[in-house]
N, C-alpha and C. Protein backbone atom coordinates (compact mmCIF):
# COMPACT_ATOMS: atom_id res chain seq x y z
N MET A 1 71.89 102.08 128.63
CA MET A 1 71.24 100.90 128.07
C MET A 1 70.72 101.18 126.65
N ALA A 2 70.06 102.33 126.47
CA ALA A 2 69.57 102.69 125.14
C ALA A 2 70.73 102.85 124.18
N GLU A 3 71.86 103.40 124.67
CA GLU A 3 73.03 103.58 123.82
C GLU A 3 73.58 102.24 123.36
N GLU A 4 73.62 101.25 124.26
CA GLU A 4 74.07 99.90 123.87
C GLU A 4 73.16 99.31 122.82
N ARG A 5 71.87 99.49 122.97
CA ARG A 5 70.91 98.94 122.03
C ARG A 5 71.12 99.55 120.65
N ASN A 6 71.45 100.84 120.60
CA ASN A 6 71.67 101.51 119.34
C ASN A 6 72.94 101.03 118.64
N LYS A 7 73.87 100.45 119.37
CA LYS A 7 75.11 99.97 118.77
C LYS A 7 74.99 98.55 118.22
N LEU A 8 73.93 97.84 118.58
CA LEU A 8 73.74 96.48 118.08
C LEU A 8 73.39 96.52 116.60
N ASP A 9 74.01 95.66 115.84
CA ASP A 9 73.76 95.59 114.40
C ASP A 9 72.71 94.51 114.13
N ALA A 10 71.48 94.83 114.45
CA ALA A 10 70.38 93.85 114.32
C ALA A 10 70.13 93.45 112.88
N LEU A 11 70.48 94.29 111.93
CA LEU A 11 70.24 93.98 110.52
C LEU A 11 71.48 93.47 109.80
N ASN A 12 72.53 93.20 110.57
CA ASN A 12 73.77 92.62 110.03
C ASN A 12 74.31 93.41 108.84
N ARG A 13 74.65 94.66 109.09
CA ARG A 13 75.14 95.54 108.03
C ARG A 13 76.65 95.68 108.05
N GLU A 14 77.33 94.87 108.82
CA GLU A 14 78.79 95.01 108.95
C GLU A 14 79.50 94.87 107.60
N ASN A 15 79.02 94.01 106.73
CA ASN A 15 79.65 93.86 105.41
C ASN A 15 79.59 95.16 104.61
N GLU A 16 78.43 95.82 104.63
CA GLU A 16 78.28 97.08 103.91
C GLU A 16 79.17 98.16 104.53
N ILE A 17 79.21 98.19 105.86
CA ILE A 17 80.04 99.18 106.55
C ILE A 17 81.51 98.96 106.22
N SER A 18 81.94 97.72 106.24
CA SER A 18 83.34 97.40 105.92
C SER A 18 83.68 97.74 104.48
N GLU A 19 82.76 97.52 103.57
CA GLU A 19 83.01 97.84 102.17
C GLU A 19 83.11 99.36 101.97
N LEU A 20 82.23 100.11 102.60
CA LEU A 20 82.32 101.57 102.53
C LEU A 20 83.64 102.05 103.12
N PHE A 21 84.04 101.47 104.24
CA PHE A 21 85.30 101.84 104.86
C PHE A 21 86.46 101.56 103.92
N ARG A 22 86.44 100.41 103.28
CA ARG A 22 87.51 100.05 102.34
C ARG A 22 87.60 101.06 101.19
N ILE A 23 86.46 101.48 100.68
CA ILE A 23 86.44 102.45 99.58
C ILE A 23 87.01 103.80 100.03
N VAL A 24 86.55 104.28 101.18
CA VAL A 24 87.03 105.56 101.70
C VAL A 24 88.51 105.48 102.04
N GLN A 25 88.92 104.39 102.65
CA GLN A 25 90.33 104.21 103.02
C GLN A 25 91.20 104.19 101.77
N SER A 26 90.78 103.48 100.75
CA SER A 26 91.54 103.40 99.51
C SER A 26 91.65 104.78 98.85
N ALA A 27 90.55 105.50 98.82
CA ALA A 27 90.58 106.84 98.23
C ALA A 27 91.51 107.75 99.02
N SER A 28 91.50 107.61 100.33
CA SER A 28 92.36 108.44 101.18
C SER A 28 93.83 108.13 100.95
N ILE A 29 94.16 106.86 100.92
CA ILE A 29 95.55 106.45 100.71
C ILE A 29 96.06 106.90 99.35
N ASN A 30 95.19 106.81 98.34
CA ASN A 30 95.57 107.19 96.98
C ASN A 30 95.33 108.67 96.69
N ARG A 31 94.88 109.40 97.72
CA ARG A 31 94.59 110.82 97.60
C ARG A 31 93.65 111.10 96.44
N ALA A 32 92.64 110.26 96.31
CA ALA A 32 91.62 110.41 95.27
C ALA A 32 90.35 110.99 95.89
N PHE A 33 89.57 111.60 95.05
CA PHE A 33 88.30 112.12 95.52
C PHE A 33 87.23 111.05 95.33
N CYS A 34 86.28 111.03 96.23
CA CYS A 34 85.17 110.12 96.04
C CYS A 34 83.95 110.69 96.75
N SER A 35 82.81 110.31 96.27
CA SER A 35 81.56 110.66 96.93
C SER A 35 80.61 109.49 96.75
N PHE A 36 79.71 109.36 97.68
CA PHE A 36 78.72 108.31 97.59
C PHE A 36 77.48 108.76 98.32
N ALA A 37 76.40 108.09 98.03
CA ALA A 37 75.13 108.40 98.68
C ALA A 37 74.58 107.13 99.31
N ILE A 38 73.95 107.30 100.42
CA ILE A 38 73.26 106.19 101.06
C ILE A 38 71.77 106.52 101.01
N GLU A 39 71.06 105.74 100.25
CA GLU A 39 69.63 105.98 100.07
C GLU A 39 68.84 104.85 100.69
N GLY A 40 67.68 105.16 101.16
CA GLY A 40 66.79 104.16 101.71
C GLY A 40 65.62 104.81 102.42
N THR A 41 64.62 104.04 102.63
CA THR A 41 63.45 104.56 103.32
C THR A 41 63.75 104.71 104.81
N TRP A 42 62.85 105.38 105.50
CA TRP A 42 63.00 105.61 106.92
C TRP A 42 63.11 104.27 107.65
N GLY A 43 64.08 104.18 108.54
CA GLY A 43 64.19 103.02 109.41
C GLY A 43 65.05 101.88 108.90
N VAL A 44 65.69 102.05 107.74
CA VAL A 44 66.51 100.95 107.22
C VAL A 44 67.94 100.98 107.74
N GLY A 45 68.32 102.05 108.46
CA GLY A 45 69.62 102.06 109.10
C GLY A 45 70.68 102.93 108.46
N LYS A 46 70.27 103.94 107.71
CA LYS A 46 71.25 104.83 107.07
C LYS A 46 72.12 105.51 108.13
N THR A 47 71.50 106.04 109.15
CA THR A 47 72.25 106.73 110.20
C THR A 47 73.15 105.75 110.93
N PHE A 48 72.67 104.56 111.20
CA PHE A 48 73.47 103.53 111.87
C PHE A 48 74.74 103.26 111.07
N ILE A 49 74.59 103.07 109.76
CA ILE A 49 75.74 102.78 108.91
C ILE A 49 76.74 103.94 108.94
N LEU A 50 76.25 105.15 108.82
CA LEU A 50 77.15 106.31 108.81
C LEU A 50 77.85 106.48 110.15
N GLU A 51 77.15 106.24 111.25
CA GLU A 51 77.79 106.35 112.57
C GLU A 51 78.88 105.30 112.75
N ARG A 52 78.64 104.07 112.32
CA ARG A 52 79.66 103.03 112.43
C ARG A 52 80.83 103.32 111.51
N LEU A 53 80.54 103.83 110.31
CA LEU A 53 81.62 104.20 109.39
C LEU A 53 82.47 105.30 110.00
N GLU A 54 81.83 106.27 110.61
CA GLU A 54 82.57 107.35 111.26
C GLU A 54 83.47 106.82 112.37
N GLU A 55 82.98 105.86 113.15
CA GLU A 55 83.80 105.25 114.21
C GLU A 55 85.03 104.58 113.62
N LYS A 56 84.84 103.83 112.54
CA LYS A 56 85.97 103.15 111.90
C LYS A 56 86.97 104.16 111.35
N LEU A 57 86.47 105.23 110.76
CA LEU A 57 87.35 106.24 110.20
C LEU A 57 88.13 106.97 111.29
N GLU A 58 87.49 107.24 112.42
CA GLU A 58 88.19 107.88 113.53
C GLU A 58 89.32 106.98 114.04
N PHE A 59 89.05 105.69 114.15
CA PHE A 59 90.06 104.74 114.60
C PHE A 59 91.21 104.70 113.59
N PHE A 60 90.90 104.64 112.30
CA PHE A 60 91.90 104.62 111.24
C PHE A 60 92.75 105.89 111.29
N LYS A 61 92.10 107.04 111.49
CA LYS A 61 92.82 108.31 111.57
C LYS A 61 93.80 108.30 112.72
N LYS A 62 93.40 107.75 113.86
CA LYS A 62 94.31 107.68 115.00
C LYS A 62 95.51 106.79 114.68
N LEU A 63 95.27 105.67 114.01
CA LEU A 63 96.38 104.79 113.63
C LEU A 63 97.34 105.50 112.68
N VAL A 64 96.80 106.20 111.70
CA VAL A 64 97.63 106.90 110.73
C VAL A 64 98.41 108.02 111.43
N ASP A 65 97.73 108.77 112.29
CA ASP A 65 98.41 109.85 113.01
C ASP A 65 99.55 109.31 113.87
N ILE A 66 99.32 108.21 114.54
CA ILE A 66 100.36 107.59 115.38
C ILE A 66 101.51 107.09 114.51
N GLY A 67 101.16 106.48 113.36
CA GLY A 67 102.18 105.89 112.50
C GLY A 67 103.10 106.89 111.84
N PHE A 68 102.63 108.14 111.66
CA PHE A 68 103.42 109.12 110.94
C PHE A 68 104.04 110.18 111.83
N LYS A 69 103.94 110.04 113.13
CA LYS A 69 104.53 111.04 114.03
C LYS A 69 105.95 110.69 114.36
């Protein structure tokens, strides 16, 4: 139950997560280097954003791995 609660996007950050994913995906496809920082005070959801981004990247990696085998 606590795990489900942690997955809810109560602050509606999906747009930011999708934009970060697009940037990382584009850099990966173009084999470019990139770095970024997520700054904010305690409790604004930095960890939440990074965890969701990681989930999207894992899914993308699986698709790419399947597509190139």
